Amino acid sequence: MSTKTSRKRKLGAKATVVAIAAATGSLLAVHRQCQALRIRLEQHEESCAATHQHHINLANQQRLHWELLSKAMEDPDLAAVLDTYEERLSTTKHRQFLFANALYTNALLAYRIGNVTEAELFGYLRGSLQNPVFRDYWEAARPHRASLEPDSAEAQVGRMVDKLVRDLDEADTEEWWVVGEPPV
């Protein structure tokens, strides 16, 4: 009887040791997973903070851009500094181009920081292209866009607008709001 009890105790002790070892292994695995998740979370937070700071920088740049354009629109002497178009523009036309540029860069910023989708930007610019002054500005600024990095957001949007201009010019309908293929 004492041998059976001794064996039961030994088996019970071995089972306990095995159970403790299994539990310890499981806890270590869970701990490793938690550590990996913590590291991923920290990396994600850093990425979000960097993206947020990038958006703040873009917004600050846009604000400065608007301030400079506003000064140029108010003062022809300052506007002359920004007259980089191939043809000579009247003061009025140049002020209009400066304002068209401000509208375009504002829409581009809204897209870049995620305030509007690419499809919404497409719709806004399709409407803007109904204005002859904006169309003239877009064509006159073509050489300016030629120096953009091909993969930049502005170059991609520029190509989208160029295609939209072609689509609008070739359209057989007066319903301009249905012309072109909005991005998906």
Protein backbone atom coordinates (compact mmCIF):
# COMPACT_ATOMS: atom_id res chain seq x y z
CA MET A 1 0.00 0.00 0.00
CA SER A 2 2.76 2.42 0.83
CA THR A 3 4.42 1.59 -2.52
CA LYS A 4 1.22 2.45 -4.37
CA THR A 5 0.92 5.72 -2.43
CA SER A 6 4.57 6.51 -3.09
CA ARG A 7 4.10 5.82 -6.81
CA LYS A 8 0.97 7.97 -6.86
CA ARG A 9 2.88 10.77 -5.18
CA LYS A 10 5.76 10.46 -7.65
CA LEU A 11 3.33 10.40 -10.60
CA GLY A 12 1.42 13.32 -9.11
CA ALA A 13 4.66 15.25 -8.58
CA LYS A 14 5.80 14.49 -12.15
CA ALA A 15 2.40 15.56 -13.50
CA THR A 16 2.62 18.76 -11.49
CA VAL A 17 6.13 19.46 -12.78
CA VAL A 18 4.98 18.79 -16.36
CA ALA A 19 1.96 21.03 -15.87
CA ILE A 20 4.12 23.80 -14.39
CA ALA A 21 6.61 23.47 -17.25
CA ALA A 22 3.81 23.61 -19.82
CA ALA A 23 2.26 26.62 -18.11
CA THR A 24 5.66 28.35 -17.93
CA GLY A 25 6.24 27.69 -21.63
CA SER A 26 2.81 29.07 -22.48
CA LEU A 27 3.41 32.14 -20.34
CA LEU A 28 6.77 32.73 -22.01
CA ALA A 29 5.16 32.43 -25.45
CA VAL A 30 2.43 34.88 -24.45
CA HIS A 31 5.07 37.22 -23.01
CA ARG A 32 7.03 37.12 -26.28
CA GLN A 33 3.85 37.87 -28.24
CA CYS A 34 3.05 40.77 -25.92
CA GLN A 35 6.58 42.15 -26.36
CA ALA A 36 6.28 41.87 -30.15
CA LEU A 37 2.90 43.63 -30.06
CA ARG A 38 4.29 46.35 -27.81
CA ILE A 39 7.15 46.96 -30.26
CA ARG A 40 4.72 47.06 -33.22
CA LEU A 41 2.47 49.46 -31.33
CA GLU A 42 5.41 51.77 -30.54
CA GLN A 43 6.48 51.71 -34.21
CA HIS A 44 2.92 52.47 -35.28
CA GLU A 45 2.69 55.37 -32.83
CA GLU A 46 6.00 56.75 -34.13
CA SER A 47 4.75 56.44 -37.70
CA CYS A 48 1.47 58.19 -36.84
CA ALA A 49 3.36 60.98 -35.08
CA ALA A 50 5.62 61.42 -38.11
CA THR A 51 2.64 61.50 -40.47
CA HIS A 52 0.88 64.00 -38.23
CA GLN A 53 3.95 66.24 -38.16
CA HIS A 54 4.25 65.96 -41.95
CA HIS A 55 0.63 67.12 -42.30
CA ILE A 56 1.29 70.02 -39.94
CA ASN A 57 4.33 70.99 -42.01
CA LEU A 58 2.30 70.83 -45.24
CA ALA A 59 -0.45 72.99 -43.71
CA ASN A 60 2.10 75.54 -42.49
CA GLN A 61 3.69 75.62 -45.93
CA GLN A 62 0.25 76.13 -47.51
CA ARG A 63 -0.47 79.01 -45.13
CA LEU A 64 2.83 80.67 -46.06
CA HIS A 65 2.15 80.05 -49.76
CA TRP A 66 -1.24 81.76 -49.43
CA GLU A 67 0.26 84.73 -47.57
CA LEU A 68 2.87 85.22 -50.29
CA LEU A 69 0.31 84.87 -53.09
CA SER A 70 -2.01 87.29 -51.32
CA LYS A 71 0.74 89.90 -51.18
CA ALA A 72 1.51 89.34 -54.85
CA MET A 73 -2.17 89.65 -55.81
CA GLU A 74 -2.38 92.97 -53.95
CA ASP A 75 0.86 94.46 -55.28
CA PRO A 76 1.75 94.24 -59.00
CA ASP A 77 5.38 94.96 -58.20
CA LEU A 78 5.54 91.81 -56.08
CA ALA A 79 3.47 89.83 -58.58
CA ALA A 80 6.12 90.56 -61.21
CA VAL A 81 8.49 88.29 -59.26
CA LEU A 82 6.10 85.38 -59.80
CA ASP A 83 5.52 86.04 -63.50
CA THR A 84 7.28 83.00 -64.93
CA TYR A 85 4.86 82.32 -67.76
CA GLU A 86 6.03 82.12 -71.36
CA GLU A 87 3.58 84.74 -72.59
CA ARG A 88 3.30 88.24 -71.21
CA LEU A 89 0.25 88.51 -68.94
CA SER A 90 -1.82 91.54 -68.11
CA THR A 91 -1.87 92.50 -64.43
CA THR A 92 -5.44 91.26 -64.16
CA LYS A 93 -4.70 87.94 -65.86
CA HIS A 94 -1.60 87.43 -63.70
CA ARG A 95 -3.60 88.04 -60.51
CA GLN A 96 -6.17 85.55 -61.75
CA PHE A 97 -3.44 82.98 -62.39
CA LEU A 98 -2.05 83.52 -58.91
CA PHE A 99 -5.49 82.92 -57.46
CA ALA A 100 -6.03 79.84 -59.65
CA ASN A 101 -2.71 78.53 -58.37
CA ALA A 102 -3.84 79.14 -54.78
CA LEU A 103 -7.08 77.23 -55.41
CA TYR A 104 -5.23 74.35 -57.04
CA THR A 105 -2.57 74.07 -54.33
CA ASN A 106 -5.25 74.23 -51.65
CA ALA A 107 -7.13 71.33 -53.30
CA LEU A 108 -3.87 69.42 -53.69
CA LEU A 109 -3.06 69.92 -50.00
CA ALA A 110 -6.52 68.74 -48.98
CA TYR A 111 -5.88 65.55 -50.95
CA ARG A 112 -2.33 65.05 -49.67
CA ILE A 113 -3.33 65.29 -46.00
CA GLY A 114 -6.39 63.09 -46.47
CA ASN A 115 -9.16 65.68 -46.11
CA VAL A 116 -10.52 64.66 -49.50
CA THR A 117 -10.26 61.44 -51.47
CA GLU A 118 -8.71 61.24 -54.91
CA ALA A 119 -12.21 60.87 -56.36
CA GLU A 120 -13.36 64.03 -54.54
CA LEU A 121 -10.29 65.90 -55.79
CA PHE A 122 -11.07 64.68 -59.31
CA GLY A 123 -14.62 66.02 -59.05
CA TYR A 124 -13.47 69.37 -57.71
CA LEU A 125 -10.87 69.80 -60.44
CA ARG A 126 -13.31 68.68 -63.13
CA GLY A 127 -15.54 71.55 -61.99
CA SER A 128 -12.61 73.97 -61.86
CA LEU A 129 -11.75 73.12 -65.46
CA GLN A 130 -15.12 74.54 -66.52
CA ASN A 131 -13.72 77.99 -65.80
CA PRO A 132 -11.79 79.42 -68.78
CA VAL A 133 -9.36 81.32 -66.54
CA PHE A 134 -8.50 78.14 -64.63
CA ARG A 135 -8.07 76.33 -67.97
CA ASP A 136 -5.75 79.07 -69.21
CA TYR A 137 -3.79 78.90 -65.97
CA TRP A 138 -3.49 75.14 -66.22
CA GLU A 139 -2.11 75.33 -69.75
CA ALA A 140 0.24 78.22 -68.95
CA ALA A 141 1.62 76.31 -65.93
CA ARG A 142 2.42 73.19 -67.99
CA PRO A 143 6.18 74.01 -68.14
CA HIS A 144 6.18 74.46 -64.36
CA ARG A 145 4.85 70.92 -63.88
CA ALA A 146 7.51 69.47 -66.18
CA SER A 147 10.13 69.68 -63.43
CA LEU A 148 8.12 67.74 -60.84
CA GLU A 149 9.38 64.38 -59.63
CA PRO A 150 7.34 61.86 -61.65
CA ASP A 151 6.31 59.89 -58.57
CA SER A 152 5.30 62.91 -56.49
CA ALA A 153 1.67 63.40 -55.53
CA GLU A 154 1.59 66.69 -57.42
CA ALA A 155 2.92 65.10 -60.62
CA GLN A 156 0.38 62.29 -60.37
CA VAL A 157 -2.47 64.74 -59.84
CA GLY A 158 -1.13 66.85 -62.70
CA ARG A 159 -1.27 63.86 -65.05
CA MET A 160 -4.79 63.09 -63.84
CA VAL A 161 -5.86 66.68 -64.63
CA ASP A 162 -4.12 66.64 -68.02
CA LYS A 163 -6.05 63.49 -68.91
CA LEU A 164 -9.25 65.07 -67.65
CA VAL A 165 -8.62 68.13 -69.87
CA ARG A 166 -8.23 65.82 -72.89
CA ASP A 167 -11.38 63.90 -71.92
CA LEU A 168 -13.36 67.13 -71.55
CA ASP A 169 -12.08 68.44 -74.88
CA GLU A 170 -13.02 65.19 -76.64
CA ALA A 171 -16.39 64.71 -74.91
CA ASP A 172 -19.52 64.60 -77.05
CA THR A 173 -21.72 65.84 -74.23
CA GLU A 174 -22.53 69.12 -72.55
CA GLU A 175 -22.82 67.23 -69.26
CA TRP A 176 -19.26 67.89 -68.13
CA TRP A 177 -19.92 66.42 -64.67
CA VAL A 178 -20.01 62.90 -66.14
CA VAL A 179 -16.85 63.21 -68.24
CA GLY A 180 -13.72 61.28 -67.29
CA GLU A 181 -13.08 58.24 -65.18
CA PRO A 182 -12.93 59.15 -61.48
CA PRO A 183 -10.21 57.27 -59.61
CA VAL A 184 -11.32 54.36 -57.48
